[in-house]
């Protein structure tokens, strides 16, 4: 395989070769250790739907002490303060995340902002000596993800990603079954989600004045300067945030759902990376002003199997009787897993009904995920969704979007951390609006 790398990358690549080999072992992190009775003080950045959820999870884990919340939208700040107070915590509220990072009394931060802020804030938090919980997808550009890993290693930080399914019992069991050989030789994996979108989608609202209490320029941050638009901002109590359907801020369903679903494939196969990626998609039905597709199909070729991702938002017929999930297809059996349970079906006419496990007590993911982060902050060992795992699950999704948007089949060079197609390398690099700079 061609080992050519992008310009300026050798030093980082050599570092990542060493760090990557050790990333998932224990005792690779050093730094200040917290005792079992020490409270870990937390600052929460981004208090939308995910931020509110994460504040709720953090408050339920003994040992965490929420002390600050941050958002560029004043009504969300007020809501977060009220939520914390109801949970028994008094927190300060600030608009600018840099105030959170500069506060030496804060041990760790949770980043639940729109995707285009994840990498910058995570890197800066590591530089400020704080441990980090950052939502998925890890990043919007491949280069950002590599720098997130580099920052975690350089500053010896515990960085947990929001791929919380890894902490769920159903998914841990699925990994165990895959690795046991019970499915036989696995040559195909499938990930999917389905739904039925409205023809008018999110509509076509015109650009409009910035709402009261919103710092729109700080919301945009490193993204290009744009006039305020309701869909670009995407905040509404009646819908999931629509910023994720614009390329400058996120990657559509591929990086929203796809990262979660494909992450379980890579979890089960010990963080393997695909070698080739190709994807097709488009807006075939929905007529609105968002940019990402309503229908998409991506294929990932790993060394010993194929995996696919299907985003079918204009037809809600389930697959394997499930509206979403991850499936593993082996020569002896098929395994399907999602947040509701797992289903194991042996091959052959006499196999009978699938072995079905849907025990409600096995469903919790988020609170165990936060507990794992706390435990690792104290022990300085690698958490279950250590940032490199999320970056590795995010990169194939980013490459699938690039393949679809620019009509190119891509080959990932794991050693060089880039694609072999030189013309596509420009799309891997972060594009930040001044004065923002991503520097480790």
Protein backbone atom coordinates (compact mmCIF):
# COMPACT_ATOMS: atom_id res chain seq x y z
CA UNK A 1 0.00 0.00 0.00
CA UNK A 2 1.20 3.49 -0.82
CA UNK A 3 2.58 5.18 2.30
CA UNK A 4 2.45 8.75 0.97
CA UNK A 5 1.18 11.24 3.56
CA UNK A 6 -0.25 14.71 3.47
CA UNK A 7 2.23 17.55 3.89
CA UNK A 8 3.23 18.45 7.41
CA UNK A 9 1.94 15.20 8.92
CA UNK A 10 5.01 12.97 9.59
CA UNK A 11 5.64 14.10 13.17
CA UNK A 12 2.04 13.67 14.20
CA UNK A 13 1.76 10.39 12.32
CA UNK A 14 4.83 8.93 14.04
CA UNK A 15 3.40 10.01 17.38
CA UNK A 16 0.04 8.45 16.64
CA UNK A 17 1.64 5.16 15.57
CA UNK A 18 3.10 4.82 19.05
CA UNK A 19 0.14 6.29 20.92
CA UNK A 20 -2.40 4.36 18.89
CA UNK A 21 -0.87 1.03 19.83
CA UNK A 22 -1.13 1.88 23.50
CA UNK A 23 -4.33 3.89 23.45
CA UNK A 24 -6.63 1.14 24.62
CA UNK A 25 -4.40 -0.36 27.29
CA UNK A 26 -4.56 0.57 30.94
CA UNK A 27 -2.28 2.83 32.94
CA UNK A 28 -1.20 4.92 29.96
CA UNK A 29 -2.54 8.15 31.47
CA UNK A 30 -0.78 9.97 34.24
CA UNK A 31 -1.52 13.17 36.08
CA UNK A 32 -3.42 14.22 39.17
CA UNK A 33 -5.43 11.30 40.55
CA UNK A 34 -8.69 11.77 42.42
CA UNK A 35 -9.38 9.73 45.51
CA UNK A 36 -12.64 7.82 45.95
CA UNK A 37 -14.02 10.56 48.21
CA UNK A 38 -12.87 13.54 46.13
CA UNK A 39 -15.58 15.32 44.19
CA UNK A 40 -14.83 15.93 40.51
CA UNK A 41 -16.06 19.41 39.64
CA UNK A 42 -17.79 19.71 36.27
CA UNK A 43 -18.49 22.45 33.78
CA UNK A 44 -21.11 21.81 31.08
CA UNK A 45 -20.69 23.53 27.70
CA UNK A 46 -23.71 23.51 25.40
CA UNK A 47 -27.06 23.20 27.16
CA UNK A 48 -29.40 22.12 24.35
CA UNK A 49 -31.12 18.74 24.26
CA UNK A 50 -27.89 16.71 24.63
CA UNK A 51 -26.42 19.10 27.17
CA UNK A 52 -29.52 18.93 29.34
CA UNK A 53 -29.46 15.16 29.14
CA UNK A 54 -25.80 15.00 30.09
CA UNK A 55 -26.33 17.36 33.01
CA UNK A 56 -29.03 14.99 34.21
CA UNK A 57 -26.75 11.95 33.93
CA UNK A 58 -23.85 13.73 35.60
CA UNK A 59 -25.99 14.75 38.56
CA UNK A 60 -27.01 11.13 39.14
CA UNK A 61 -23.45 9.82 39.48
CA UNK A 62 -22.11 10.28 43.03
CA UNK A 63 -18.68 11.81 42.90
CA UNK A 64 -19.46 14.43 40.27
CA UNK A 65 -20.09 18.02 41.36
CA UNK A 66 -21.64 20.24 38.64
CA UNK A 67 -20.46 23.81 39.25
CA UNK A 68 -20.96 25.67 35.96
CA UNK A 69 -23.07 25.69 32.80
CA UNK A 70 -22.36 27.49 29.54
CA UNK A 71 -24.41 28.34 26.46
CA UNK A 72 -24.57 31.15 23.91
CA UNK A 73 -28.37 31.23 24.24
CA UNK A 74 -29.58 32.89 27.45
CA UNK A 75 -32.86 30.94 27.78
CA UNK A 76 -30.88 27.69 27.73
CA UNK A 77 -28.56 29.00 30.44
CA UNK A 78 -31.51 29.83 32.64
CA UNK A 79 -33.08 26.44 31.98
CA UNK A 80 -29.82 24.67 32.85
CA UNK A 81 -29.43 26.59 36.10
CA UNK A 82 -32.98 25.66 37.08
CA UNK A 83 -32.33 22.00 36.18
CA UNK A 84 -29.17 21.94 38.29
CA UNK A 85 -30.92 23.60 41.22
CA UNK A 86 -33.72 21.06 41.07
CA UNK A 87 -31.04 18.35 41.26
CA UNK A 88 -29.50 19.96 44.33
CA UNK A 89 -26.61 21.86 42.71
CA UNK A 90 -25.91 25.58 42.57
CA UNK A 91 -24.04 26.39 39.34
CA UNK A 92 -22.73 29.57 37.79
CA UNK A 93 -23.92 30.40 34.28
CA UNK A 94 -21.63 31.87 31.61
CA UNK A 95 -21.99 32.58 27.89
CA UNK A 96 -18.39 32.15 26.74
CA UNK A 97 -16.85 28.66 27.08
CA UNK A 98 -13.40 30.19 27.51
CA UNK A 99 -14.43 31.31 30.97
CA UNK A 100 -15.13 27.68 31.86
CA UNK A 101 -11.73 26.55 30.54
CA UNK A 102 -9.91 29.31 32.42
CA UNK A 103 -11.52 28.40 35.75
CA UNK A 104 -8.93 26.35 37.63
CA UNK A 105 -11.52 25.15 40.14
CA UNK A 106 -13.20 23.08 37.39
CA UNK A 107 -11.67 19.62 36.98
CA UNK A 108 -13.52 18.40 33.89
CA UNK A 109 -15.88 19.57 31.17
CA UNK A 110 -18.73 18.05 29.19
CA UNK A 111 -18.98 19.33 25.60
CA UNK A 112 -22.47 18.97 24.09
CA UNK A 113 -22.30 21.74 21.50
CA UNK A 114 -23.05 21.49 17.77
CA UNK A 115 -20.52 19.19 16.08
CA UNK A 116 -18.35 21.92 14.53
CA UNK A 117 -17.24 23.01 18.01
CA UNK A 118 -16.32 19.56 19.38
CA UNK A 119 -12.69 19.39 18.30
CA UNK A 120 -11.66 22.95 19.15
CA UNK A 121 -13.22 22.89 22.62
CA UNK A 122 -11.89 19.42 23.42
CA UNK A 123 -8.34 20.36 22.42
CA UNK A 124 -8.47 23.62 24.37
CA UNK A 125 -9.88 21.81 27.41
CA UNK A 126 -7.00 19.33 27.31
CA UNK A 127 -4.55 22.23 27.07
CA UNK A 128 -6.24 23.78 30.11
CA UNK A 129 -5.58 20.59 32.09
CA UNK A 130 -9.18 19.40 32.20
CA UNK A 131 -10.55 15.93 31.57
CA UNK A 132 -13.21 15.83 28.88
CA UNK A 133 -16.51 14.22 27.96
CA UNK A 134 -17.24 15.14 24.33
CA UNK A 135 -20.31 14.19 22.35
CA UNK A 136 -20.16 12.25 19.13
CA UNK A 137 -19.35 12.60 16.31
CA UNK A 138 -15.87 13.45 17.47
CA UNK A 139 -15.32 15.96 14.69
CA UNK A 140 -16.39 17.36 11.31
CA UNK A 141 -12.98 16.97 9.62
CA UNK A 142 -10.54 14.06 9.80
CA UNK A 143 -7.68 16.38 10.72
CA UNK A 144 -9.63 17.56 13.78
CA UNK A 145 -9.97 14.01 15.06
CA UNK A 146 -6.25 13.33 14.80
CA UNK A 147 -5.53 16.49 16.76
CA UNK A 148 -8.03 15.51 19.45
CA UNK A 149 -6.12 12.26 19.98
CA UNK A 150 -2.82 14.12 19.98
CA UNK A 151 -4.07 16.61 22.59
CA UNK A 152 -5.38 13.87 24.88
CA UNK A 153 -1.99 12.14 24.77
CA UNK A 154 0.16 15.27 25.02
CA UNK A 155 -1.69 16.72 28.00
CA UNK A 156 -2.42 13.32 29.61
CA UNK A 157 -6.17 13.85 29.79
CA UNK A 158 -8.99 11.36 30.26
CA UNK A 159 -11.26 12.00 27.27
CA UNK A 160 -14.49 10.01 27.12
CA UNK A 161 -16.63 10.24 23.98
CA UNK A 162 -20.42 10.16 23.91
CA UNK A 163 -20.60 6.78 22.17
CA UNK A 164 -22.41 5.50 25.22
CA UNK A 165 -23.72 2.30 23.65
CA UNK A 166 -20.34 0.77 24.56
CA UNK A 167 -21.41 0.98 28.21
CA UNK A 168 -24.70 -0.81 27.52
CA UNK A 169 -25.03 -4.47 28.51
CA UNK A 170 -26.68 -5.46 25.22
CA UNK A 171 -23.76 -4.12 23.19
CA UNK A 172 -21.13 -5.62 25.47
CA UNK A 173 -22.86 -8.98 25.06
CA UNK A 174 -22.98 -8.53 21.29
CA UNK A 175 -19.23 -7.95 21.25
CA UNK A 176 -18.72 -11.06 23.37
CA UNK A 177 -20.82 -13.18 21.00
CA UNK A 178 -18.98 -11.90 17.92
CA UNK A 179 -15.58 -12.60 19.46
CA UNK A 180 -16.62 -16.02 20.76
CA UNK A 181 -16.97 -17.43 17.26
CA UNK A 182 -20.60 -18.39 17.90
CA UNK A 183 -21.66 -16.66 14.66
CA UNK A 184 -19.04 -18.48 12.61
CA UNK A 185 -17.04 -16.53 10.03
CA UNK A 186 -18.55 -13.08 9.65
CA UNK A 187 -18.36 -11.67 6.14
CA UNK A 188 -21.08 -8.99 6.31
CA UNK A 189 -22.35 -6.43 8.82
CA UNK A 190 -25.22 -4.04 8.33
CA UNK A 191 -26.25 -0.82 10.07
CA UNK A 192 -29.46 1.06 9.38
CA UNK A 193 -32.11 3.46 10.56
CA UNK A 194 -35.49 4.10 8.97
CA UNK A 195 -38.26 6.65 9.31
CA UNK A 196 -40.87 8.58 7.39
CA UNK A 197 -40.04 12.22 6.78
CA UNK A 198 -42.56 14.85 5.76
CA UNK A 199 -42.43 16.02 2.15
CA UNK A 200 -41.91 19.60 3.33
CA UNK A 201 -39.17 18.46 5.72
CA UNK A 202 -37.88 21.35 7.81
CA UNK A 203 -39.31 23.96 5.45
CA UNK A 204 -37.50 26.91 3.90
CA UNK A 205 -37.44 29.71 6.46
CA UNK A 206 -35.82 32.94 5.23
CA UNK A 207 -32.82 34.51 6.92
CA UNK A 208 -34.03 36.63 9.82
CA UNK A 209 -32.88 38.78 12.76
CA UNK A 210 -30.95 37.02 15.52
CA UNK A 211 -33.27 36.03 18.40
CA UNK A 212 -32.94 37.89 21.67
CA UNK A 213 -30.44 36.33 24.02
CA UNK A 214 -28.43 34.51 21.32
CA UNK A 215 -24.78 35.27 20.46
CA UNK A 216 -24.96 34.08 16.84
CA UNK A 217 -21.34 34.92 16.02
CA UNK A 218 -20.07 32.82 18.92
CA UNK A 219 -22.48 30.01 17.94
CA UNK A 220 -20.89 30.01 14.46
CA UNK A 221 -17.38 30.17 15.91
CA UNK A 222 -14.90 28.55 13.49
CA UNK A 223 -17.63 27.95 10.87
CA UNK A 224 -18.10 30.47 8.01
CA UNK A 225 -19.94 33.68 8.80
CA UNK A 226 -23.59 33.33 7.78
CA UNK A 227 -26.74 35.36 8.40
CA UNK A 228 -29.00 33.89 11.04
CA UNK A 229 -31.37 31.24 9.76
CA UNK A 230 -33.80 29.23 11.85
CA UNK A 231 -32.83 25.93 10.19
CA UNK A 232 -29.07 26.50 10.49
CA UNK A 233 -29.51 27.19 14.19
CA UNK A 234 -32.06 24.44 14.41
CA UNK A 235 -33.34 25.07 17.92
CA UNK A 236 -36.94 24.15 18.53
CA UNK A 237 -38.78 22.32 21.32
CA UNK A 238 -40.78 20.39 18.70
CA UNK A 239 -37.90 18.84 16.71
CA UNK A 240 -34.40 17.42 16.92
CA UNK A 241 -31.82 20.14 16.27
CA UNK A 242 -31.48 20.76 12.53
CA UNK A 243 -27.96 22.24 12.52
CA UNK A 244 -26.83 18.64 11.93
CA UNK A 245 -28.26 18.76 8.39
CA UNK A 246 -25.80 21.45 7.16
CA UNK A 247 -22.31 20.46 6.04
CA UNK A 248 -20.59 23.39 7.75
CA UNK A 249 -21.70 22.19 11.19
CA UNK A 250 -22.18 18.42 10.97
CA UNK A 251 -22.67 15.44 8.64
CA UNK A 252 -26.37 14.58 8.56
CA UNK A 253 -27.69 11.17 9.53
CA UNK A 254 -24.35 9.56 8.62
CA UNK A 255 -22.57 11.21 11.56
CA UNK A 256 -25.62 11.49 13.79
CA UNK A 257 -26.95 7.92 13.73
CA UNK A 258 -24.24 6.31 11.63
CA UNK A 259 -21.44 6.88 14.13
CA UNK A 260 -23.42 5.13 16.87
CA UNK A 261 -24.32 2.17 14.65
CA UNK A 262 -20.93 1.69 12.99
CA UNK A 263 -19.20 2.20 16.34
CA UNK A 264 -20.62 -1.12 17.49
CA UNK A 265 -19.12 -2.89 14.46
CA UNK A 266 -15.72 -1.45 15.29
CA UNK A 267 -16.23 -2.15 19.01
CA UNK A 268 -16.90 -5.81 18.22
CA UNK A 269 -13.88 -6.09 15.93
CA UNK A 270 -11.37 -4.39 18.25
CA UNK A 271 -11.39 -1.00 16.51
CA UNK A 272 -10.59 -2.24 13.01
CA UNK A 273 -10.72 0.43 10.30
CA UNK A 274 -12.18 -0.01 6.79
CA UNK A 275 -9.77 0.05 3.88
CA UNK A 276 -12.20 1.23 1.18
CA UNK A 277 -15.27 3.44 1.42
CA UNK A 278 -17.89 4.29 -1.20
CA UNK A 279 -21.29 5.93 -0.76
CA UNK A 280 -24.25 7.23 -2.74
CA UNK A 281 -27.19 9.34 -1.65
CA UNK A 282 -29.30 12.39 -2.22
CA UNK A 283 -32.50 14.30 -1.51
CA UNK A 284 -34.99 12.28 -3.53
CA UNK A 285 -38.20 13.16 -1.71
CA UNK A 286 -37.89 15.87 0.95
CA UNK A 287 -38.18 19.43 -0.36
CA UNK A 288 -36.62 21.79 2.16
CA UNK A 289 -33.46 23.90 2.47
CA UNK A 290 -31.26 21.54 4.51
CA UNK A 291 -28.23 20.09 2.72
CA UNK A 292 -27.74 16.49 3.80
CA UNK A 293 -29.50 13.56 2.05
CA UNK A 294 -32.83 12.00 2.90
CA UNK A 295 -31.59 8.65 1.57
CA UNK A 296 -28.07 7.22 1.67
CA UNK A 297 -26.25 3.93 1.30
CA UNK A 298 -22.58 3.52 2.24
CA UNK A 299 -20.32 0.48 1.96
CA UNK A 300 -17.15 -0.10 3.98
CA UNK A 301 -14.65 -2.82 3.06
CA UNK A 302 -12.69 -4.15 6.02
CA UNK A 303 -9.92 -6.72 5.73
CA UNK A 304 -12.22 -9.71 6.33
CA UNK A 305 -15.79 -8.44 5.85
CA UNK A 306 -18.04 -5.81 4.30
CA UNK A 307 -20.19 -3.42 6.31
CA UNK A 308 -22.96 -1.16 5.09
CA UNK A 309 -24.92 1.81 6.41
CA UNK A 310 -28.45 2.50 5.23
CA UNK A 311 -30.20 5.77 5.99
CA UNK A 312 -33.78 5.35 4.83
CA UNK A 313 -35.82 8.30 6.07
CA UNK A 314 -38.62 8.19 3.50
CA UNK A 315 -39.86 4.69 4.33
CA UNK A 316 -40.35 3.44 7.87
CA UNK A 317 -40.60 -0.31 7.16
CA UNK A 318 -38.33 -1.96 9.74
CA UNK A 319 -35.53 -4.42 9.04
CA UNK A 320 -35.35 -7.56 11.21
CA UNK A 321 -38.44 -6.05 12.85
CA UNK A 322 -36.31 -3.16 14.08
CA UNK A 323 -36.35 0.45 12.94
CA UNK A 324 -32.62 0.76 13.57
CA UNK A 325 -29.73 -1.41 14.60
CA UNK A 326 -26.47 -3.19 13.87
CA UNK A 327 -26.38 -6.74 12.53
CA UNK A 328 -23.59 -9.30 12.19
CA UNK A 329 -24.01 -12.06 9.58
CA UNK A 330 -21.90 -15.17 10.05
CA UNK A 331 -21.75 -18.65 8.58
CA UNK A 332 -23.47 -20.09 11.66
CA UNK A 333 -25.84 -17.38 12.85
CA UNK A 334 -27.01 -13.77 12.61
CA UNK A 335 -26.93 -11.33 15.51
CA UNK A 336 -28.97 -8.11 15.65
CA UNK A 337 -28.49 -5.55 18.44
CA UNK A 338 -29.91 -2.17 19.35
CA UNK A 339 -30.80 -0.25 22.52
CA UNK A 340 -33.80 -2.45 23.19
CA UNK A 341 -32.03 -5.81 23.18
CA UNK A 342 -30.24 -8.38 21.05
CA UNK A 343 -31.52 -11.23 18.88
CA UNK A 344 -29.48 -14.27 17.89
CA UNK A 345 -30.78 -16.42 15.01
CA UNK A 346 -28.93 -19.64 14.10
CA UNK A 347 -28.96 -20.59 10.42
CA UNK A 348 -31.04 -23.50 9.12
CA UNK A 349 -34.69 -24.42 9.00
CA UNK A 350 -34.60 -26.20 12.35
CA UNK A 351 -33.11 -23.27 14.18
CA UNK A 352 -36.47 -22.18 15.55
CA UNK A 353 -37.15 -18.69 16.88
CA UNK A 354 -34.29 -16.29 17.57
CA UNK A 355 -32.82 -16.15 21.04
CA UNK A 356 -34.21 -12.81 22.20
CA UNK A 357 -32.87 -10.77 25.12
CA UNK A 358 -34.79 -7.58 25.94
CA UNK A 359 -34.47 -7.42 29.73
CA UNK A 360 -35.21 -3.81 30.77
CA UNK A 361 -32.63 -4.00 33.54
CA UNK A 362 -29.93 -4.37 30.89
CA UNK A 363 -30.89 -1.21 28.97
CA UNK A 364 -29.10 1.57 30.92
CA UNK A 365 -26.19 3.06 28.99
CA UNK A 366 -25.75 6.71 29.89
CA UNK A 367 -25.32 6.57 33.65
CA UNK A 368 -22.91 3.59 33.42
CA UNK A 369 -21.01 5.57 30.76
CA UNK A 370 -20.68 8.55 33.08
CA UNK A 371 -19.71 6.28 35.96
CA UNK A 372 -16.98 4.79 33.77
CA UNK A 373 -15.66 8.27 33.01
CA UNK A 374 -15.57 9.14 36.71
CA UNK A 375 -13.81 5.88 37.57
CA UNK A 376 -11.18 6.56 34.93
CA UNK A 377 -10.68 10.17 36.01
CA UNK A 378 -9.79 8.74 39.39
CA UNK A 379 -7.67 5.82 38.17
CA UNK A 380 -6.16 7.56 35.09
CA UNK A 381 -6.93 4.48 33.00
CA UNK A 382 -8.49 4.53 29.54
CA UNK A 383 -12.29 4.83 29.55
CA UNK A 384 -14.50 2.50 27.51
CA UNK A 385 -15.09 5.13 24.80
CA UNK A 386 -11.65 6.73 24.91
CA UNK A 387 -11.45 9.50 22.31
CA UNK A 388 -9.39 7.49 19.82
CA UNK A 389 -12.19 4.92 19.52
CA UNK A 390 -14.71 7.63 18.68
CA UNK A 391 -12.36 9.26 16.19
CA UNK A 392 -11.85 5.89 14.54
CA UNK A 393 -15.61 5.38 14.32
CA UNK A 394 -16.19 8.93 13.10
CA UNK A 395 -13.59 8.90 10.30
CA UNK A 396 -15.32 6.21 8.17
CA UNK A 397 -18.56 8.22 8.40
CA UNK A 398 -16.80 11.42 7.35
CA UNK A 399 -15.19 9.58 4.44
CA UNK A 400 -18.56 8.16 3.40
CA UNK A 401 -19.96 11.69 3.21
CA UNK A 402 -16.98 12.83 1.17
CA UNK A 403 -17.41 9.86 -1.18
CA UNK A 404 -21.09 10.68 -1.66
CA UNK A 405 -20.66 14.44 -2.07
CA UNK A 406 -17.73 14.37 -4.46
CA UNK A 407 -18.28 11.11 -6.30
CA UNK A 408 -15.09 9.34 -5.28
CA UNK A 409 -14.39 5.86 -3.95
CA UNK A 410 -11.83 6.33 -1.16
CA UNK A 411 -9.01 4.16 0.16
CA UNK A 412 -7.96 4.75 3.76
CA UNK A 413 -4.26 4.47 4.55
CA UNK A 414 -4.18 3.52 8.22
CA UNK A 415 -0.44 4.12 8.58
CA UNK A 416 -0.52 7.58 7.01
CA UNK A 417 -3.91 8.53 8.51
CA UNK A 418 -5.12 9.87 5.17
CA UNK A 419 -6.68 8.69 1.90
CA UNK A 420 -4.68 7.54 -1.11
CA UNK A 421 -6.73 9.77 -3.42
CA UNK A 422 -4.74 13.01 -3.39
CA UNK A 423 -7.57 15.12 -4.79
CA UNK A 424 -9.76 14.15 -1.83
CA UNK A 425 -7.24 15.08 0.85
CA UNK A 426 -8.33 18.70 0.82
CA UNK A 427 -11.66 17.62 2.32
CA UNK A 428 -9.94 16.05 5.33
CA UNK A 429 -8.47 19.36 6.50
CA UNK A 430 -10.19 21.68 8.94
CA UNK A 431 -11.32 25.05 7.61
CA UNK A 432 -11.61 27.54 10.45
CA UNK A 433 -12.80 31.12 10.28
CA UNK A 434 -10.40 33.64 11.78
CA UNK A 435 -9.41 34.14 14.53
CA UNK A 436 -10.07 30.50 15.53
CA UNK A 437 -7.11 28.13 15.16
CA UNK A 438 -6.91 24.43 16.06
CA UNK A 439 -3.50 24.09 17.67
CA UNK A 440 -2.30 21.33 19.97
